[in-house]
Protein backbone atom coordinates (compact mmCIF):
# COMPACT_ATOMS: atom_id res chain seq x y z
CA MET A 1 8.16 5.77 15.58
CA ASN A 2 8.91 7.91 12.77
CA LEU A 3 6.14 9.44 10.49
CA ALA A 4 7.43 9.52 6.56
CA LEU A 5 4.99 12.19 4.44
CA PHE A 6 5.33 11.84 0.77
CA ASP A 7 3.79 13.30 -1.80
CA PHE A 8 3.41 11.38 -5.63
CA ASP A 9 3.11 13.17 -8.29
CA GLY A 10 6.93 14.51 -9.28
CA THR A 11 8.16 13.16 -5.68
CA ILE A 12 7.38 9.41 -6.67
CA THR A 13 7.34 9.67 -9.86
CA HIS A 14 9.02 11.57 -12.79
CA GLN A 15 5.95 11.81 -14.71
CA ASP A 16 2.12 13.87 -14.19
CA ALA A 17 -0.19 10.82 -13.73
CA PHE A 18 -3.08 12.74 -12.21
CA THR A 19 -3.47 14.08 -16.25
CA LYS A 20 -2.89 10.69 -17.23
CA PHE A 21 -5.16 9.16 -15.79
CA LEU A 22 -7.95 11.18 -17.12
CA PHE A 23 -7.20 10.64 -20.22
CA PHE A 24 -6.53 6.81 -19.91
CA ALA A 25 -9.68 6.23 -17.93
CA THR A 26 -11.75 8.51 -19.82
CA PRO A 27 -14.46 7.31 -23.16
CA LYS A 28 -12.32 9.33 -26.14
CA THR A 29 -15.87 10.85 -27.06
CA ARG A 30 -16.00 12.72 -23.51
CA THR A 31 -12.09 13.52 -23.93
CA LEU A 32 -13.21 15.62 -26.66
CA ALA A 33 -16.18 16.94 -25.49
CA GLY A 34 -14.22 17.37 -22.08
CA LEU A 35 -11.27 19.41 -24.23
CA ILE A 36 -13.85 21.54 -25.89
CA VAL A 37 -16.28 22.68 -22.89
CA THR A 38 -12.87 22.75 -20.42
CA SER A 39 -10.56 24.77 -22.62
CA PRO A 40 -10.50 27.95 -21.19
CA VAL A 41 -10.08 26.51 -17.97
CA ILE A 42 -6.93 24.13 -19.25
CA GLY A 43 -5.91 28.19 -20.80
CA LEU A 44 -6.03 30.02 -17.40
CA TYR A 45 -4.28 27.24 -15.89
CA LYS A 46 -1.15 27.35 -18.94
CA LEU A 47 -1.40 30.96 -18.52
CA GLY A 48 -1.15 31.10 -14.18
CA TRP A 49 -3.97 33.00 -13.89
CA LEU A 50 -5.50 29.46 -12.18
CA PRO A 51 -3.93 27.46 -10.16
CA ALA A 52 -3.57 23.74 -10.07
CA ARG A 53 -5.63 23.55 -7.53
CA PHE A 54 -8.76 25.25 -8.52
CA THR A 55 -8.04 23.37 -12.46
CA ARG A 56 -7.37 19.60 -11.50
CA PRO A 57 -10.96 19.26 -9.51
CA ILE A 58 -13.19 20.93 -12.69
CA LEU A 59 -11.00 18.77 -14.54
CA ALA A 60 -12.52 15.34 -12.55
CA LYS A 61 -15.83 16.93 -12.79
CA VAL A 62 -15.65 16.34 -16.56
CA ALA A 63 -13.98 13.54 -16.59
CA PHE A 64 -16.21 11.39 -13.98
CA SER A 65 -19.59 12.33 -13.73
CA HIS A 66 -22.07 10.32 -13.07
CA ARG A 67 -19.45 7.36 -14.55
CA SER A 68 -19.46 3.69 -12.76
CA VAL A 69 -17.85 3.68 -9.60
CA GLU A 70 -17.25 -0.26 -11.35
CA GLU A 71 -15.90 1.65 -14.68
CA VAL A 72 -13.79 3.91 -13.16
CA ASP A 73 -12.03 2.04 -10.30
CA ALA A 74 -11.21 -0.76 -13.38
CA PHE A 75 -9.13 1.91 -15.36
CA GLY A 76 -7.39 2.90 -11.93
CA ALA A 77 -6.03 -1.04 -11.20
CA ARG A 78 -4.50 -0.73 -14.99
CA PHE A 79 -3.69 2.17 -14.35
CA ALA A 80 -1.65 0.75 -11.10
CA SER A 81 -0.24 -2.16 -12.94
CA GLU A 82 0.47 -1.20 -16.51
CA TYR A 83 1.12 2.48 -16.33
CA LEU A 84 2.69 3.62 -12.56
CA PRO A 85 5.83 0.72 -12.56
CA THR A 86 7.03 2.79 -15.14
CA VAL A 87 7.14 6.07 -13.72
CA MET A 88 8.67 5.29 -10.97
CA ARG A 89 11.58 6.94 -9.58
CA SER A 90 14.52 5.02 -8.62
CA GLU A 91 15.26 6.67 -5.20
CA ALA A 92 11.35 7.55 -4.30
CA LEU A 93 11.36 3.41 -4.34
CA GLN A 94 14.70 3.37 -2.26
CA ALA A 95 13.12 5.78 0.48
CA LEU A 96 10.53 3.99 0.75
CA GLU A 97 12.30 0.64 0.83
CA TRP A 98 14.60 2.52 3.92
CA HIS A 99 11.47 3.75 5.19
CA LYS A 100 9.63 0.64 5.52
CA GLN A 101 13.17 -1.29 7.36
CA GLN A 102 13.03 1.67 9.56
CA GLY A 103 9.10 0.56 10.59
CA ASP A 104 8.39 4.25 10.25
CA LYS A 105 4.85 4.77 9.53
CA ILE A 106 3.96 5.82 5.59
CA VAL A 107 1.50 7.99 3.94
CA LEU A 108 1.36 9.29 0.92
CA VAL A 109 -0.47 12.13 0.38
CA SER A 110 -1.17 13.50 -2.57
CA ALA A 111 -3.57 15.37 -5.04
CA SER A 112 -4.14 13.10 -7.54
CA LEU A 113 -7.08 10.38 -7.40
CA SER A 114 -7.84 8.12 -5.31
CA PRO A 115 -8.65 5.18 -7.48
CA TYR A 116 -5.44 5.08 -8.53
CA LEU A 117 -3.37 5.54 -5.09
CA ASP A 118 -5.73 3.25 -3.53
CA ILE A 119 -4.02 0.20 -4.69
CA TRP A 120 -1.05 1.19 -5.60
CA CYS A 121 -0.99 1.88 -1.84
CA GLN A 122 -1.80 -1.25 -0.96
CA GLN A 123 0.08 -2.40 -3.38
CA GLN A 124 3.16 -1.21 -1.78
CA GLY A 125 1.75 -1.60 1.63
CA ILE A 126 1.67 1.77 2.65
CA GLU A 127 -1.54 4.26 3.64
CA VAL A 128 -2.49 6.92 1.20
CA VAL A 129 -4.32 10.57 2.06
CA CYS A 130 -5.48 11.80 -1.63
CA SER A 131 -8.10 13.83 -3.51
CA ARG A 132 -10.78 11.18 -2.80
CA LEU A 133 -13.76 10.71 -5.50
CA LEU A 134 -16.60 11.07 -4.23
CA LYS A 135 -19.45 8.32 -4.74
CA LYS A 136 -23.05 8.25 -4.83
CA ASN A 137 -26.00 5.14 -5.55
CA GLY A 138 -22.81 3.01 -7.17
CA ARG A 139 -21.68 6.29 -9.81
CA TYR A 140 -18.79 8.90 -9.24
CA THR A 141 -20.35 12.29 -8.67
CA GLY A 142 -17.10 13.93 -10.61
CA GLY A 143 -17.03 15.66 -6.62
CA TYR A 144 -14.01 15.68 -4.06
CA LEU A 145 -14.98 13.81 -0.69
CA ASP A 146 -12.75 16.79 1.22
CA GLY A 147 -11.30 18.75 -1.04
CA ASP A 148 -8.35 18.90 -3.24
CA CYS A 149 -5.30 17.53 -1.53
CA SER A 150 -3.32 20.10 -1.77
CA LEU A 151 -1.24 23.25 -0.03
CA ASP A 152 -2.67 23.33 3.40
CA ASN A 153 -5.57 21.13 2.89
CA LYS A 154 -2.79 18.65 3.00
CA VAL A 155 -2.52 18.55 6.27
CA ARG A 156 -5.95 19.33 7.35
CA LEU A 157 -6.09 15.60 6.09
CA VAL A 158 -3.55 13.98 7.07
CA LYS A 159 -4.24 15.41 10.57
CA LYS A 160 -8.20 13.90 10.10
CA HIS A 161 -6.16 10.98 8.97
CA LEU A 162 -3.79 10.41 12.16
CA ASP A 163 -7.15 11.29 14.20
CA SER A 164 -8.78 8.43 13.11
CA GLN A 165 -6.35 6.40 14.15
CA GLN A 166 -6.58 8.35 17.81
CA ILE A 167 -2.60 9.77 16.92
CA CYS A 168 -1.33 12.98 17.16
CA LEU A 169 1.32 14.60 15.23
CA LYS A 170 3.29 15.25 18.80
CA GLN A 171 3.59 11.12 19.40
CA PHE A 172 6.08 10.56 16.62
CA ASP A 173 10.20 11.19 17.34
CA LYS A 174 10.81 12.54 13.94
CA ILE A 175 8.70 13.64 11.12
CA TYR A 176 10.32 12.96 7.50
CA ALA A 177 8.26 15.41 3.97
CA TYR A 178 9.16 14.55 0.58
CA GLY A 179 8.10 17.11 -1.59
CA ASP A 180 8.80 18.99 -5.35
CA THR A 181 6.07 22.07 -5.77
CA TYR A 182 4.91 24.83 -3.54
CA GLU A 183 1.67 22.73 -2.80
CA ASP A 184 4.06 20.94 -0.43
CA ILE A 185 5.39 23.56 1.55
CA PRO A 186 2.44 23.41 4.39
CA MET A 187 3.39 19.35 4.77
CA LEU A 188 7.08 19.92 4.62
CA GLU A 189 6.47 22.59 7.50
CA LEU A 190 5.27 19.50 9.89
CA ALA A 191 8.60 17.86 9.04
CA ASP A 192 11.64 17.63 11.12
CA GLU A 193 13.39 16.12 7.67
CA LYS A 194 12.20 18.18 4.80
CA PHE A 195 13.20 17.22 1.12
CA PHE A 196 12.06 19.62 -1.73
CA ASN A 197 13.12 17.49 -5.19
CA TRP A 198 15.32 15.07 -3.32
CA GLN A 199 17.51 17.30 -2.00
CA LYS A 200 16.88 18.02 2.06
CA VAL A 201 16.97 21.70 3.08
CA ALA A 202 16.69 22.80 6.52
CA ASP A 203 13.41 25.26 6.34
CA THR A 204 10.75 26.08 3.77
CA GLN A 205 11.98 29.85 3.31
CA GLN A 206 14.90 28.47 1.45
CA ILE A 207 11.90 26.19 -1.33
CA ARG A 208 10.41 29.86 -1.14
CA GLU A 209 13.03 31.60 -2.12
CA ARG A 210 14.37 29.60 -4.70
CA LEU A 211 10.71 29.01 -6.67
CA ALA A 212 10.72 32.75 -6.03
CA LYS A 213 13.61 33.49 -8.71
């Protein structure tokens, strides 16, 4: 059996679903207040001084802290049905279908959020490892259950997911991985067949050199 690991934002989609969902699922008054509170964070991110893996959890905290799970998940269902179909890459859907036809185990591995990815992946019949919002007493705390699913944490969470099924990476005949940013490099390093921005690469050093230019 083969394993196929897919990033989501920018790989399966051609838009940033994470940011879009923050605006889609957050009431306008909370959005306006949140923009004021997080403006220094957003400014540091745009200047390149604060990495995305630190920026995303802060924005999620402001957007979803103490929100009803039922309410946010309802927005997630709408987002999955109304918005996500409009931003799918045709080559991504073709690759997913090809792996399904091969009988491969397919796992989406993304820093995007659980309220919509759980639903979308269920619709696609694939597994998901992602930045999972933490729940307590029927409400989201705004925190993450296992941290931001990016860089080395992608690898850790993939292994944790497989461990829960009593599977290890060595059991797969071949591993495929698809990504589009430096945050996907550790996941790509797991793979025998690596695809970066839908171009096959021999090793991740090629990606690092390309990003350094």
